[in-house]
N, C-alpha and C. Protein backbone atom coordinates (compact mmCIF):
# COMPACT_ATOMS: atom_id res chain seq x y z
N GLN A 1 70.48 -49.22 -73.14
CA GLN A 1 69.26 -48.44 -73.13
C GLN A 1 69.43 -47.25 -74.07
N VAL A 2 68.54 -47.18 -75.05
CA VAL A 2 68.60 -46.09 -76.02
C VAL A 2 68.08 -44.81 -75.39
N GLN A 3 68.81 -43.75 -75.56
CA GLN A 3 68.38 -42.44 -75.07
C GLN A 3 68.40 -41.44 -76.21
N LEU A 4 67.41 -40.57 -76.23
CA LEU A 4 67.32 -39.52 -77.23
C LEU A 4 67.36 -38.17 -76.52
N VAL A 5 68.23 -37.31 -77.01
CA VAL A 5 68.34 -35.98 -76.42
C VAL A 5 68.09 -34.95 -77.51
N GLU A 6 67.04 -34.17 -77.32
CA GLU A 6 66.66 -33.15 -78.29
C GLU A 6 67.19 -31.79 -77.84
N SER A 7 67.41 -30.93 -78.81
CA SER A 7 67.82 -29.56 -78.51
C SER A 7 67.41 -28.66 -79.66
N GLY A 8 67.43 -27.37 -79.40
CA GLY A 8 67.18 -26.39 -80.46
C GLY A 8 65.84 -25.70 -80.41
N GLY A 9 64.97 -26.10 -79.50
CA GLY A 9 63.68 -25.43 -79.41
C GLY A 9 63.82 -24.05 -78.79
N GLY A 10 62.72 -23.31 -78.81
CA GLY A 10 62.75 -21.97 -78.22
C GLY A 10 61.64 -21.10 -78.75
N LEU A 11 61.78 -19.82 -78.49
CA LEU A 11 60.81 -18.83 -78.92
C LEU A 11 61.33 -18.12 -80.17
N VAL A 12 60.47 -18.02 -81.17
CA VAL A 12 60.86 -17.38 -82.42
C VAL A 12 59.67 -16.59 -82.95
N GLN A 13 59.96 -15.52 -83.66
CA GLN A 13 58.89 -14.71 -84.24
C GLN A 13 58.35 -15.37 -85.50
N PRO A 14 57.11 -15.07 -85.85
CA PRO A 14 56.57 -15.59 -87.11
C PRO A 14 57.48 -15.23 -88.29
N GLY A 15 57.68 -16.22 -89.16
CA GLY A 15 58.58 -16.04 -90.28
C GLY A 15 60.01 -16.43 -89.99
N GLY A 16 60.30 -16.68 -88.73
CA GLY A 16 61.65 -17.04 -88.34
C GLY A 16 61.98 -18.50 -88.57
N SER A 17 63.18 -18.87 -88.13
CA SER A 17 63.68 -20.24 -88.33
C SER A 17 64.24 -20.81 -87.04
N LEU A 18 64.17 -22.11 -86.95
CA LEU A 18 64.80 -22.86 -85.87
C LEU A 18 65.34 -24.16 -86.43
N ARG A 19 66.36 -24.69 -85.78
CA ARG A 19 66.90 -25.99 -86.16
C ARG A 19 66.92 -26.88 -84.94
N LEU A 20 66.17 -27.98 -85.02
CA LEU A 20 66.14 -28.95 -83.94
C LEU A 20 67.14 -30.06 -84.22
N SER A 21 67.71 -30.58 -83.15
CA SER A 21 68.63 -31.71 -83.25
C SER A 21 68.21 -32.79 -82.26
N CYS A 22 68.49 -34.02 -82.61
CA CYS A 22 68.20 -35.14 -81.72
C CYS A 22 69.32 -36.16 -81.87
N VAL A 23 69.98 -36.44 -80.76
CA VAL A 23 71.07 -37.41 -80.76
C VAL A 23 70.62 -38.69 -80.06
N ALA A 24 70.81 -39.80 -80.72
CA ALA A 24 70.48 -41.11 -80.14
C ALA A 24 71.75 -41.77 -79.65
N SER A 25 71.72 -42.22 -78.39
CA SER A 25 72.88 -42.90 -77.83
C SER A 25 72.44 -44.21 -77.21
N GLY A 26 73.43 -45.06 -76.92
CA GLY A 26 73.14 -46.32 -76.26
C GLY A 26 72.79 -47.45 -77.19
N THR A 27 73.15 -47.30 -78.47
CA THR A 27 72.88 -48.38 -79.43
C THR A 27 74.02 -48.49 -80.42
N ARG A 28 74.26 -49.71 -80.86
CA ARG A 28 75.25 -49.94 -81.92
C ARG A 28 74.60 -50.44 -83.20
N TYR A 29 73.28 -50.46 -83.19
CA TYR A 29 72.53 -50.94 -84.34
C TYR A 29 72.11 -49.78 -85.23
N MET A 30 71.98 -50.08 -86.51
CA MET A 30 71.53 -49.07 -87.46
C MET A 30 70.08 -48.71 -87.16
N ILE A 31 69.82 -47.43 -87.14
CA ILE A 31 68.46 -46.95 -86.92
C ILE A 31 67.73 -46.89 -88.25
N HIS A 32 66.61 -47.56 -88.34
CA HIS A 32 65.87 -47.65 -89.60
C HIS A 32 65.26 -46.30 -89.98
N ALA A 33 64.58 -45.68 -89.06
CA ALA A 33 63.92 -44.41 -89.35
C ALA A 33 64.10 -43.45 -88.19
N MET A 34 64.29 -42.19 -88.52
CA MET A 34 64.41 -41.13 -87.51
C MET A 34 63.41 -40.05 -87.90
N GLY A 35 62.63 -39.63 -86.95
CA GLY A 35 61.59 -38.67 -87.30
C GLY A 35 61.28 -37.67 -86.20
N TRP A 36 60.46 -36.72 -86.59
CA TRP A 36 59.97 -35.70 -85.67
C TRP A 36 58.45 -35.70 -85.69
N TYR A 37 57.89 -35.61 -84.51
CA TYR A 37 56.47 -35.46 -84.32
C TYR A 37 56.25 -34.21 -83.48
N ARG A 38 55.02 -33.74 -83.47
CA ARG A 38 54.73 -32.59 -82.61
C ARG A 38 53.34 -32.74 -82.01
N GLN A 39 53.17 -32.07 -80.87
CA GLN A 39 51.88 -32.09 -80.20
C GLN A 39 51.59 -30.71 -79.65
N ALA A 40 50.53 -30.12 -80.16
CA ALA A 40 50.08 -28.82 -79.68
C ALA A 40 49.08 -29.03 -78.55
N PRO A 41 48.89 -28.03 -77.70
CA PRO A 41 47.94 -28.17 -76.59
C PRO A 41 46.55 -28.54 -77.10
N GLY A 42 45.99 -29.58 -76.49
CA GLY A 42 44.64 -30.00 -76.85
C GLY A 42 44.53 -30.78 -78.14
N LYS A 43 45.68 -31.08 -78.76
CA LYS A 43 45.65 -31.81 -80.01
C LYS A 43 46.43 -33.10 -79.90
N GLN A 44 46.20 -33.99 -80.86
CA GLN A 44 46.92 -35.25 -80.89
C GLN A 44 48.32 -35.05 -81.45
N ARG A 45 49.20 -35.94 -81.07
CA ARG A 45 50.54 -35.92 -81.64
C ARG A 45 50.45 -36.25 -83.13
N GLU A 46 51.22 -35.49 -83.94
CA GLU A 46 51.18 -35.71 -85.37
C GLU A 46 52.58 -35.78 -85.95
N LEU A 47 52.69 -36.48 -87.06
CA LEU A 47 53.95 -36.60 -87.76
C LEU A 47 54.33 -35.27 -88.38
N VAL A 48 55.61 -34.91 -88.22
CA VAL A 48 56.15 -33.75 -88.92
C VAL A 48 56.92 -34.23 -90.15
N ALA A 49 57.91 -35.08 -89.90
CA ALA A 49 58.73 -35.59 -90.98
C ALA A 49 59.51 -36.80 -90.49
N VAL A 50 59.90 -37.64 -91.44
CA VAL A 50 60.68 -38.82 -91.11
C VAL A 50 61.71 -39.03 -92.21
N VAL A 51 62.87 -39.52 -91.83
CA VAL A 51 63.92 -39.85 -92.80
C VAL A 51 64.38 -41.28 -92.53
N PHE A 52 64.44 -42.08 -93.58
CA PHE A 52 64.80 -43.48 -93.48
C PHE A 52 66.30 -43.67 -93.70
N SER A 53 66.78 -44.84 -93.36
CA SER A 53 68.22 -45.08 -93.40
C SER A 53 68.80 -44.90 -94.79
N GLY A 54 68.01 -45.14 -95.82
CA GLY A 54 68.50 -44.96 -97.19
C GLY A 54 68.41 -43.53 -97.69
N GLY A 55 67.86 -42.65 -96.87
CA GLY A 55 67.76 -41.24 -97.24
C GLY A 55 66.40 -40.77 -97.67
N ARG A 56 65.49 -41.69 -97.90
CA ARG A 56 64.13 -41.28 -98.30
C ARG A 56 63.47 -40.53 -97.17
N THR A 57 62.72 -39.49 -97.54
CA THR A 57 62.05 -38.66 -96.54
C THR A 57 60.54 -38.62 -96.80
N ASN A 58 59.83 -38.30 -95.75
CA ASN A 58 58.38 -38.16 -95.84
C ASN A 58 57.98 -37.01 -94.93
N TYR A 59 57.13 -36.13 -95.46
CA TYR A 59 56.70 -34.95 -94.71
C TYR A 59 55.19 -34.89 -94.62
N ALA A 60 54.72 -34.31 -93.54
CA ALA A 60 53.31 -33.95 -93.47
C ALA A 60 53.07 -32.81 -94.47
N ASP A 61 51.92 -32.79 -95.07
CA ASP A 61 51.64 -31.83 -96.14
C ASP A 61 51.87 -30.39 -95.70
N SER A 62 51.49 -30.06 -94.49
CA SER A 62 51.58 -28.66 -94.05
C SER A 62 53.02 -28.21 -93.80
N MET A 63 53.96 -29.15 -93.79
CA MET A 63 55.36 -28.82 -93.55
C MET A 63 56.19 -28.81 -94.83
N LYS A 64 55.64 -29.37 -95.89
CA LYS A 64 56.40 -29.44 -97.13
C LYS A 64 56.78 -28.05 -97.62
N GLY A 65 58.04 -27.92 -97.99
CA GLY A 65 58.53 -26.64 -98.49
C GLY A 65 59.03 -25.70 -97.41
N ARG A 66 58.67 -25.96 -96.17
CA ARG A 66 59.12 -25.11 -95.07
C ARG A 66 60.11 -25.82 -94.15
N PHE A 67 59.89 -27.12 -93.97
CA PHE A 67 60.74 -27.91 -93.06
C PHE A 67 61.62 -28.85 -93.87
N THR A 68 62.82 -29.10 -93.38
CA THR A 68 63.72 -30.06 -94.00
C THR A 68 64.30 -30.97 -92.94
N ILE A 69 64.13 -32.27 -93.13
CA ILE A 69 64.69 -33.24 -92.20
C ILE A 69 65.93 -33.85 -92.82
N SER A 70 66.92 -34.12 -91.98
CA SER A 70 68.15 -34.76 -92.43
C SER A 70 68.72 -35.57 -91.28
N ARG A 71 69.65 -36.44 -91.62
CA ARG A 71 70.26 -37.27 -90.59
C ARG A 71 71.73 -37.48 -90.88
N ASP A 72 72.47 -37.67 -89.81
CA ASP A 72 73.89 -38.01 -89.88
C ASP A 72 74.03 -39.39 -89.24
N ASN A 73 74.14 -40.41 -90.06
CA ASN A 73 74.17 -41.78 -89.53
C ASN A 73 75.38 -42.02 -88.65
N ALA A 74 76.49 -41.43 -88.98
CA ALA A 74 77.70 -41.63 -88.19
C ALA A 74 77.54 -41.08 -86.78
N LYS A 75 76.71 -40.07 -86.64
CA LYS A 75 76.50 -39.44 -85.33
C LYS A 75 75.16 -39.84 -84.71
N ASN A 76 74.40 -40.70 -85.39
CA ASN A 76 73.07 -41.08 -84.90
C ASN A 76 72.25 -39.84 -84.54
N THR A 77 72.28 -38.89 -85.43
CA THR A 77 71.64 -37.61 -85.18
C THR A 77 70.67 -37.27 -86.31
N VAL A 78 69.53 -36.75 -85.92
CA VAL A 78 68.56 -36.27 -86.88
C VAL A 78 68.32 -34.79 -86.63
N TYR A 79 68.13 -34.06 -87.72
CA TYR A 79 67.93 -32.62 -87.65
C TYR A 79 66.59 -32.25 -88.28
N LEU A 80 66.04 -31.16 -87.82
CA LEU A 80 64.85 -30.61 -88.46
C LEU A 80 65.06 -29.11 -88.61
N GLN A 81 65.26 -28.68 -89.84
CA GLN A 81 65.37 -27.26 -90.14
C GLN A 81 63.98 -26.72 -90.43
N MET A 82 63.56 -25.76 -89.64
CA MET A 82 62.21 -25.21 -89.77
C MET A 82 62.30 -23.74 -90.18
N ASN A 83 61.77 -23.44 -91.33
CA ASN A 83 61.77 -22.08 -91.86
C ASN A 83 60.34 -21.57 -92.00
N SER A 84 60.22 -20.25 -92.15
CA SER A 84 58.90 -19.63 -92.33
C SER A 84 57.91 -20.10 -91.28
N LEU A 85 58.34 -20.07 -90.05
CA LEU A 85 57.52 -20.59 -88.97
C LEU A 85 56.27 -19.75 -88.77
N LYS A 86 55.20 -20.43 -88.40
CA LYS A 86 53.91 -19.81 -88.19
C LYS A 86 53.46 -20.05 -86.75
N PRO A 87 52.57 -19.21 -86.24
CA PRO A 87 52.08 -19.45 -84.87
C PRO A 87 51.48 -20.84 -84.69
N GLU A 88 50.88 -21.38 -85.73
CA GLU A 88 50.28 -22.72 -85.62
C GLU A 88 51.33 -23.83 -85.57
N ASP A 89 52.60 -23.49 -85.75
CA ASP A 89 53.66 -24.47 -85.57
C ASP A 89 54.05 -24.63 -84.11
N THR A 90 53.49 -23.80 -83.25
CA THR A 90 53.77 -23.88 -81.82
C THR A 90 53.33 -25.24 -81.28
N ALA A 91 54.27 -25.94 -80.65
CA ALA A 91 54.00 -27.28 -80.14
C ALA A 91 55.24 -27.80 -79.43
N VAL A 92 55.07 -28.92 -78.77
CA VAL A 92 56.22 -29.67 -78.27
C VAL A 92 56.62 -30.63 -79.39
N TYR A 93 57.87 -30.59 -79.76
CA TYR A 93 58.39 -31.43 -80.84
C TYR A 93 59.15 -32.61 -80.23
N TYR A 94 58.79 -33.79 -80.69
CA TYR A 94 59.37 -35.02 -80.17
C TYR A 94 60.17 -35.74 -81.25
N CYS A 95 61.31 -36.24 -80.86
CA CYS A 95 62.13 -37.07 -81.72
C CYS A 95 61.71 -38.53 -81.53
N ASN A 96 61.71 -39.28 -82.62
CA ASN A 96 61.37 -40.70 -82.58
C ASN A 96 62.33 -41.48 -83.46
N VAL A 97 62.81 -42.61 -82.96
CA VAL A 97 63.66 -43.48 -83.78
C VAL A 97 63.05 -44.87 -83.78
N VAL A 98 63.19 -45.54 -84.91
CA VAL A 98 62.65 -46.88 -85.10
C VAL A 98 63.76 -47.78 -85.62
N PHE A 99 63.92 -48.93 -84.98
CA PHE A 99 64.91 -49.90 -85.42
C PHE A 99 64.27 -50.91 -86.36
N ALA A 100 65.11 -51.72 -86.99
CA ALA A 100 64.61 -52.73 -87.92
C ALA A 100 63.67 -53.71 -87.23
N SER A 101 63.86 -53.89 -85.94
CA SER A 101 62.97 -54.76 -85.16
C SER A 101 61.61 -54.13 -84.91
N LEU A 102 61.45 -52.88 -85.33
CA LEU A 102 60.25 -52.06 -85.13
C LEU A 102 60.12 -51.55 -83.70
N ARG A 103 61.11 -51.82 -82.88
CA ARG A 103 61.13 -51.19 -81.56
C ARG A 103 61.41 -49.71 -81.78
N ASP A 104 60.66 -48.86 -81.07
CA ASP A 104 60.90 -47.44 -81.23
C ASP A 104 61.07 -46.76 -79.88
N TYR A 105 61.66 -45.58 -79.94
CA TYR A 105 61.97 -44.80 -78.74
C TYR A 105 61.61 -43.33 -79.00
N TRP A 106 61.27 -42.65 -77.89
CA TRP A 106 60.89 -41.25 -77.97
C TRP A 106 61.80 -40.39 -77.11
N GLY A 107 62.02 -39.16 -77.59
CA GLY A 107 62.70 -38.19 -76.78
C GLY A 107 61.75 -37.54 -75.81
N GLN A 108 62.30 -36.64 -74.99
CA GLN A 108 61.50 -36.01 -73.95
C GLN A 108 60.71 -34.81 -74.47
N GLY A 109 61.05 -34.36 -75.66
CA GLY A 109 60.33 -33.25 -76.27
C GLY A 109 61.03 -31.92 -76.05
N THR A 110 60.88 -31.04 -77.04
CA THR A 110 61.43 -29.70 -76.93
C THR A 110 60.36 -28.71 -77.39
N GLN A 111 60.17 -27.66 -76.62
CA GLN A 111 59.11 -26.70 -76.91
C GLN A 111 59.53 -25.73 -78.00
N VAL A 112 58.65 -25.56 -78.97
CA VAL A 112 58.82 -24.54 -80.01
C VAL A 112 57.62 -23.60 -79.91
N THR A 113 57.90 -22.32 -79.71
CA THR A 113 56.85 -21.32 -79.61
C THR A 113 57.08 -20.26 -80.67
N VAL A 114 56.07 -20.05 -81.50
CA VAL A 114 56.15 -19.04 -82.56
C VAL A 114 55.17 -17.93 -82.20
N SER A 115 55.73 -16.80 -81.84
CA SER A 115 54.89 -15.69 -81.38
C SER A 115 55.64 -14.38 -81.52
N SER A 116 54.87 -13.33 -81.76
CA SER A 116 55.47 -12.00 -81.83
C SER A 116 55.39 -11.32 -80.47
C-alpha cells in the first residue's frame, strides 16, 4: 500500500518562503510523476507543479518563477520550494504521485497560510 507523507507547511508572512516535502513509501516501482496540488477554501483543487521521472517539470502559470519543484528518485521524495509567498497562496497543499499504470495516490495535505 502506497503511502504519502507531507511535511513543511505552516504559517508564513507575505514575501516569505516555505519548503514542502512528500515521501512516498510502500512501493518498489518507479514513480512516473510526482506533483503538488492545492485547494483553497471554496475553490477547486488546482495543479501547482509536477515533475516527471525524466526531470521535466510543469508549473501553473501563477507559480512560475516563485515555486520550484524537484524530486529525489532514490528517496521517492518530491519537494516544493515556495518563495515570494502571497496571501492568495494560502491553501491546503496535496502531494500526488502517478505510476506508469496511471494509478495515482494522494497525500493527506498540509496547510500553508500566508498572513501578516
